[in-house]
Amino acid sequence: MSGNNIKEIENLHHLKELQNLELEKNQLTSISNITIFGFKNLKKIICSYNLISIDYMDELIKTLELMPTLEEINLQGNEITLHQQYKTRIFEFPNIKVLDKLALKDPIKKHFQVHEN
């Protein structure tokens, strides 16, 4: 569903087994309502190059807390990636293995935890 000027994630209730959600190059300002669809196997969310603001950080963290199966998230090209604690906060989730195409290994996580606090 990339590049379709989508402004809101909706009408996905029938995709219960969805594992990858790719919504790059749209007009999303939030991904919070993804949780209402009850995806039990969602592993990857690609929402790069949307309109997700720097002020969305707390809501993003609340959303990620409700997605224990998520292993990869890509928000490149969104203002939120400029938030001072963007990487540090997402690194708190042990299930997330890839952030913005960067594989999160322990040395990388430790580097950001030391340098961004």
Protein backbone atom coordinates (compact mmCIF):
# COMPACT_ATOMS: atom_id res chain seq x y z
CA MET A 1 0.00 0.00 0.00
CA SER A 2 2.97 2.26 -0.56
CA GLY A 3 2.71 5.59 -2.35
CA ASN A 4 -1.08 5.87 -2.23
CA ASN A 5 -1.62 9.09 -0.23
CA ILE A 6 -3.05 7.03 2.65
CA LYS A 7 -3.80 9.28 5.63
CA GLU A 8 -5.11 6.69 8.07
CA ILE A 9 -4.64 2.96 8.59
CA GLU A 10 -8.10 1.43 8.42
CA ASN A 11 -10.22 -1.51 7.28
CA LEU A 12 -7.60 -4.19 7.90
CA HIS A 13 -9.67 -6.35 10.28
CA HIS A 14 -9.83 -9.23 7.79
CA LEU A 15 -6.00 -9.56 7.63
CA LYS A 16 -5.55 -11.33 10.97
CA GLU A 17 -2.44 -13.25 9.83
CA LEU A 18 -0.67 -10.18 8.41
CA GLN A 19 3.09 -10.27 9.07
CA ASN A 20 4.41 -7.33 7.01
CA LEU A 21 2.74 -3.93 6.70
CA GLU A 22 4.38 -1.62 4.18
CA LEU A 23 3.00 1.90 4.03
CA GLU A 24 5.93 4.03 2.97
CA LYS A 25 5.48 7.25 1.00
CA ASN A 26 1.98 8.05 2.21
CA GLN A 27 0.56 10.77 4.44
CA LEU A 28 0.32 8.97 7.78
CA THR A 29 0.74 11.02 10.94
CA SER A 30 0.31 8.04 13.27
CA ILE A 31 0.52 4.26 13.39
CA SER A 32 -1.33 3.90 16.70
CA ASN A 33 -4.52 2.45 15.31
CA ILE A 34 -2.61 -0.59 13.98
CA THR A 35 -3.20 -2.15 17.39
CA ILE A 36 -7.01 -2.19 16.97
CA PHE A 37 -6.77 -4.82 14.25
CA GLY A 38 -5.40 -7.48 16.60
CA PHE A 39 -2.54 -8.66 14.41
CA LYS A 40 -1.04 -11.61 16.27
CA ASN A 41 1.84 -12.23 13.85
CA LEU A 42 2.87 -8.72 12.78
CA LYS A 43 6.65 -8.72 12.47
CA LYS A 44 7.44 -5.76 10.23
CA ILE A 45 6.11 -2.22 9.81
CA ILE A 46 7.55 0.00 7.10
CA CYS A 47 6.19 3.54 7.37
CA SER A 48 9.12 5.49 6.01
CA TYR A 49 8.57 8.86 4.35
CA ASN A 50 5.25 9.78 5.91
CA LEU A 51 4.27 12.73 8.13
CA ILE A 52 4.94 11.30 11.59
CA SER A 53 5.98 14.25 13.76
CA ILE A 54 8.61 14.54 16.46
CA ASP A 55 5.78 15.04 19.00
CA TYR A 56 4.48 11.51 18.36
CA MET A 57 7.24 9.83 20.42
CA ASP A 58 5.24 9.00 23.57
CA GLU A 59 2.36 7.64 21.51
CA LEU A 60 4.77 5.56 19.43
CA ILE A 61 6.19 3.96 22.56
CA LYS A 62 2.68 3.14 23.83
CA THR A 63 1.88 1.58 20.45
CA LEU A 64 5.06 -0.52 20.39
CA GLU A 65 4.28 -1.82 23.88
CA LEU A 66 1.15 -3.41 22.41
CA MET A 67 3.04 -5.19 19.62
CA PRO A 68 5.17 -7.94 21.19
CA THR A 69 5.71 -9.80 17.90
CA LEU A 70 7.14 -6.78 16.06
CA GLU A 71 10.75 -7.37 14.99
CA GLU A 72 11.32 -4.57 12.49
CA ILE A 73 10.19 -0.98 12.18
CA ASN A 74 11.25 1.61 9.65
CA LEU A 75 10.29 5.25 10.15
CA GLN A 76 13.06 6.82 8.06
CA GLY A 77 12.12 10.10 6.42
CA ASN A 78 9.71 11.04 9.21
CA GLU A 79 10.33 13.94 11.58
CA ILE A 80 10.08 11.59 14.58
CA THR A 81 13.52 10.19 13.77
CA LEU A 82 14.94 13.58 14.80
CA HIS A 83 13.69 13.15 18.37
CA GLN A 84 16.64 13.16 20.75
CA GLN A 85 15.67 9.81 22.29
CA TYR A 86 14.21 8.10 19.22
CA LYS A 87 16.72 5.26 18.99
CA THR A 88 17.25 4.91 22.73
CA ARG A 89 13.53 4.50 23.43
CA ILE A 90 12.99 1.96 20.67
CA PHE A 91 16.06 0.00 21.77
CA GLU A 92 14.18 -0.68 25.03
CA PHE A 93 12.08 -3.25 23.15
CA PRO A 94 14.03 -6.54 23.02
CA ASN A 95 11.75 -7.96 20.32
CA ILE A 96 12.73 -5.24 17.81
CA LYS A 97 15.76 -6.46 15.89
CA VAL A 98 15.84 -3.94 13.01
CA LEU A 99 15.27 -0.19 13.25
CA ASP A 100 15.33 1.92 10.09
CA LYS A 101 17.17 -0.85 8.19
CA LEU A 102 19.85 -1.09 10.90
CA ALA A 103 20.21 -4.49 12.58
CA LEU A 104 20.15 -3.93 16.32
CA LYS A 105 22.89 -5.93 17.91
CA ASP A 106 23.93 -5.49 21.53
CA PRO A 107 27.03 -3.35 20.82
CA ILE A 108 24.93 -0.92 18.76
CA LYS A 109 22.26 -0.72 21.45
CA LYS A 110 24.86 -0.12 24.15
CA HIS A 111 26.51 2.64 22.09
CA PHE A 112 23.26 4.58 21.80
CA GLN A 113 22.25 3.99 25.41
CA VAL A 114 25.55 5.51 26.57
CA HIS A 115 25.64 8.41 24.09
CA GLU A 116 22.00 9.53 24.01
CA ASN A 117 21.15 9.57 27.72
